Amino acid sequence: MIAIVDYDIGNLGAIANMLRRLGAACEITADPERIAASSRIILPGNGAFDACMTNLRATGLVPLLERKVLAERTPLLGICVGAQMLGRDSEEGREAGLGWLDMRVRRFPEAPGFRVPHMGWNQVVPRQTQHPLTRGMDGDSRFYFVHSYYMEPSDPADVLLVAEYGIRFAAGVARDNIVGVQFHPEKSHRFGKRMLHAFAEGA
């Protein structure tokens, strides 16, 4: 069962609906017992970094998530701000991130012709071509983004996917059992469907 962590950050139904259409068992939950029993975890995120981190910590779930992800090595997929929260901190706020990846989150620089936030469809190119979530991804893969801040891993080997918007940035990161994507796979039609299917099937 895939646990979609509910920490009061908005509508999570689109993620659950996409997974159910793929035939994957999933549940939107803040129940520690249900999360402890899950085989995979999705950490969504929407809005401001500080609000998401504050809400997540208020649930009391962080120690459980750390045990599941870091000790038990349960596969985890962070989405949008949920991916940014995997790092150490963000220029958007003052709260510390989870620190599971050595990564900072930075604001897009001002650039002529590129309005912030970066919103809409953009082409994404895999850097880790043999990773289970990117294997077979073609050069025309496009995903839906809504963000003003981007992930910057300290180790280039942690970059899973790249995209360009004024600068080249990490559209996805991965290390061991942890993956984070800046875009919204649940809003990315067949491209997101393929990625969520790979995650649900055991990648």
Protein backbone atom coordinates (compact mmCIF):
# COMPACT_ATOMS: atom_id res chain seq x y z
CA MET A 1 0.00 0.00 0.00
CA ILE A 2 1.21 3.50 -0.88
CA ALA A 3 0.73 6.04 1.91
CA ILE A 4 0.12 9.60 0.70
CA VAL A 5 1.06 11.65 3.75
CA ASP A 6 -1.72 14.01 4.80
CA TYR A 7 -0.48 17.03 6.75
CA ASP A 8 -3.16 19.54 5.77
CA ILE A 9 -1.46 21.10 2.77
CA GLY A 10 -4.26 21.03 0.21
CA ASN A 11 -6.02 18.70 -2.18
CA LEU A 12 -4.28 15.33 -2.41
CA GLY A 13 -7.07 13.67 -4.36
CA ALA A 14 -5.42 14.06 -7.77
CA ILE A 15 -2.46 11.93 -6.70
CA ALA A 16 -4.70 9.24 -5.23
CA ASN A 17 -6.99 9.27 -8.25
CA MET A 18 -4.10 8.80 -10.68
CA LEU A 19 -2.67 5.91 -8.64
CA ARG A 20 -6.07 4.21 -8.40
CA ARG A 21 -6.54 4.50 -12.16
CA LEU A 22 -3.25 2.66 -12.46
CA GLY A 23 -4.57 -0.08 -10.17
CA ALA A 24 -2.28 0.84 -7.28
CA ALA A 25 -3.51 0.51 -3.70
CA CYS A 26 -3.08 3.85 -1.97
CA GLU A 27 -4.43 5.84 0.94
CA ILE A 28 -4.34 9.50 1.98
CA THR A 29 -3.49 9.23 5.65
CA ALA A 30 -1.98 10.84 8.73
CA ASP A 31 -2.44 7.64 10.76
CA PRO A 32 0.98 6.51 12.10
CA GLU A 33 -0.06 2.86 12.03
CA ARG A 34 -1.12 3.05 8.39
CA ILE A 35 2.08 4.83 7.40
CA ALA A 36 4.16 2.34 9.38
CA ALA A 37 2.51 -0.52 7.49
CA SER A 38 2.94 1.06 4.05
CA SER A 39 5.32 -0.30 1.42
CA ARG A 40 5.84 3.08 -0.28
CA ILE A 41 5.37 6.69 0.74
CA ILE A 42 4.49 9.83 -1.20
CA LEU A 43 5.27 13.17 0.43
CA PRO A 44 3.26 15.85 -1.41
CA GLY A 45 3.75 19.58 -1.04
CA ASN A 46 1.87 22.71 -2.03
CA GLY A 47 2.37 26.36 -1.18
CA ALA A 48 5.17 27.82 0.93
CA PHE A 49 8.13 25.85 2.26
CA ASP A 50 7.84 27.06 5.86
CA ALA A 51 4.11 26.32 6.06
CA CYS A 52 4.65 22.79 4.75
CA MET A 53 7.49 22.06 7.17
CA THR A 54 5.56 23.54 10.11
CA ASN A 55 2.48 21.50 9.29
CA LEU A 56 4.45 18.29 8.82
CA ARG A 57 6.26 18.69 12.13
CA ALA A 58 2.98 19.48 13.89
CA THR A 59 1.66 16.03 12.94
CA GLY A 60 4.41 14.32 14.93
CA LEU A 61 5.08 12.06 11.94
CA VAL A 62 8.67 13.12 11.22
CA PRO A 63 10.37 10.53 13.51
CA LEU A 64 8.23 7.78 11.99
CA LEU A 65 8.99 8.95 8.46
CA GLU A 66 12.70 9.09 9.26
CA ARG A 67 12.60 5.52 10.56
CA LYS A 68 10.68 4.30 7.51
CA VAL A 69 12.79 6.12 4.93
CA LEU A 70 16.28 6.25 6.45
CA ALA A 71 16.39 3.07 8.55
CA GLU A 72 13.94 0.74 6.81
CA ARG A 73 14.70 2.24 3.37
CA THR A 74 11.06 2.40 2.32
CA PRO A 75 10.83 4.00 -1.15
CA LEU A 76 9.68 7.62 -0.92
CA LEU A 77 8.59 10.04 -3.64
CA GLY A 78 8.48 13.75 -2.80
CA ILE A 79 6.39 15.95 -5.09
CA CYS A 80 6.87 19.71 -5.64
CA VAL A 81 7.45 21.33 -2.22
CA GLY A 82 7.50 17.78 -0.84
CA ALA A 83 10.66 17.26 -2.92
CA GLN A 84 12.19 20.54 -1.71
CA MET A 85 11.56 19.51 1.90
CA LEU A 86 13.97 16.59 1.47
CA GLY A 87 16.87 19.05 1.56
CA ARG A 88 18.45 21.13 4.29
CA ASP A 89 16.67 24.47 3.84
CA SER A 90 15.14 26.91 1.38
CA GLU A 91 15.68 30.54 0.46
CA GLU A 92 11.90 30.85 0.64
CA GLY A 93 11.80 30.69 4.44
CA ARG A 94 13.55 30.07 7.73
CA GLU A 95 12.44 26.55 8.62
CA ALA A 96 14.92 23.69 8.36
CA GLY A 97 14.09 20.95 5.90
CA LEU A 98 14.18 17.24 6.64
CA GLY A 99 17.85 17.05 5.70
CA TRP A 100 17.60 13.64 4.06
CA LEU A 101 19.49 14.95 1.03
CA ASP A 102 22.41 17.39 0.99
CA MET A 103 20.51 20.02 -0.95
CA ARG A 104 19.58 23.69 -0.85
CA VAL A 105 16.49 25.26 -2.42
CA ARG A 106 17.03 28.55 -4.26
CA ARG A 107 14.83 31.13 -5.95
CA PHE A 108 14.96 31.46 -9.72
CA PRO A 109 17.11 34.45 -10.69
CA GLU A 110 15.56 37.32 -12.60
CA ALA A 111 16.07 36.75 -16.32
CA PRO A 112 14.62 38.61 -19.32
CA GLY A 113 11.70 36.70 -20.80
CA PHE A 114 11.33 34.29 -17.87
CA ARG A 115 8.57 35.17 -15.45
CA VAL A 116 8.58 33.75 -11.93
CA PRO A 117 6.86 31.51 -10.97
CA HIS A 118 7.77 28.95 -13.58
CA MET A 119 4.32 27.70 -14.49
CA GLY A 120 3.20 25.27 -17.18
CA TRP A 121 4.62 22.46 -19.26
CA ASN A 122 8.36 22.02 -19.74
CA GLN A 123 10.60 19.40 -21.28
CA VAL A 124 12.50 17.21 -18.83
CA VAL A 125 15.67 15.25 -19.61
CA PRO A 126 16.97 12.34 -17.48
CA ARG A 127 20.46 12.49 -16.02
CA GLN A 128 20.26 9.08 -14.33
CA THR A 129 19.13 7.15 -17.39
CA GLN A 130 19.15 3.74 -15.68
CA HIS A 131 17.10 4.78 -12.68
CA PRO A 132 13.82 2.82 -12.53
CA LEU A 133 11.74 6.01 -12.74
CA THR A 134 13.55 7.33 -15.83
CA ARG A 135 14.40 4.13 -17.71
CA GLY A 136 12.90 4.34 -21.19
CA MET A 137 12.04 8.05 -20.88
CA ASP A 138 12.21 9.65 -24.31
CA GLY A 139 13.55 13.06 -25.27
CA ASP A 140 10.07 14.53 -25.59
CA SER A 141 9.01 13.93 -22.00
CA ARG A 142 7.12 16.94 -20.63
CA PHE A 143 5.81 17.62 -17.16
CA TYR A 144 3.70 20.29 -15.49
CA PHE A 145 5.46 22.74 -13.13
CA VAL A 146 4.31 25.45 -10.71
CA HIS A 147 7.22 26.83 -8.64
CA SER A 148 9.39 29.84 -7.91
CA TYR A 149 12.21 27.89 -6.23
CA TYR A 150 14.37 25.05 -7.50
CA MET A 151 16.44 22.28 -5.93
CA GLU A 152 20.24 22.46 -5.91
CA PRO A 153 21.89 19.24 -4.67
CA SER A 154 25.47 19.52 -3.43
CA ASP A 155 26.38 16.29 -5.22
CA PRO A 156 25.68 16.36 -8.99
CA ALA A 157 25.22 12.58 -8.81
CA ASP A 158 21.93 13.20 -6.96
CA VAL A 159 20.39 14.97 -9.98
CA LEU A 160 17.84 12.63 -11.55
CA LEU A 161 16.25 14.96 -14.13
CA VAL A 162 17.00 18.40 -15.53
CA ALA A 163 14.92 21.12 -17.17
CA GLU A 164 15.61 24.65 -18.35
CA TYR A 165 13.91 27.89 -17.43
CA GLY A 166 16.36 30.73 -17.77
CA ILE A 167 18.87 28.38 -16.14
CA ARG A 168 19.30 24.63 -16.14
CA PHE A 169 17.93 23.24 -12.89
CA ALA A 170 17.29 19.90 -11.19
CA ALA A 171 13.73 18.86 -12.02
CA GLY A 172 14.24 15.65 -10.06
CA VAL A 173 16.66 14.29 -7.47
CA ALA A 174 17.37 10.76 -6.31
CA ARG A 175 19.60 8.94 -3.87
CA ASP A 176 19.06 5.32 -2.87
CA ASN A 177 15.37 4.89 -1.95
CA ILE A 178 14.60 8.63 -1.95
CA VAL A 179 13.27 10.45 -5.02
CA GLY A 180 11.94 13.99 -5.34
CA VAL A 181 10.41 15.64 -8.40
CA GLN A 182 9.76 19.36 -8.74
CA PHE A 183 6.88 18.92 -11.18
CA HIS A 184 3.43 17.45 -10.58
CA PRO A 185 3.29 13.94 -12.11
CA GLU A 186 -0.41 13.70 -11.21
CA LYS A 187 -1.07 16.64 -13.56
CA SER A 188 1.32 15.53 -16.31
CA HIS A 189 -0.91 13.16 -18.29
CA ARG A 190 0.85 10.17 -19.87
CA PHE A 191 4.32 11.27 -18.76
CA GLY A 192 3.34 11.51 -15.11
CA LYS A 193 1.23 8.39 -15.39
CA ARG A 194 4.25 6.40 -16.53
CA MET A 195 6.38 7.71 -13.66
CA LEU A 196 3.78 7.02 -10.98
CA HIS A 197 3.23 3.56 -12.44
CA ALA A 198 6.97 2.83 -12.19
CA PHE A 199 7.00 4.00 -8.57
CA ALA A 200 3.91 1.98 -7.66
CA GLU A 201 5.19 -1.17 -9.35
CA GLY A 202 8.26 -1.41 -7.20
CA ALA A 203 10.88 0.76 -8.87
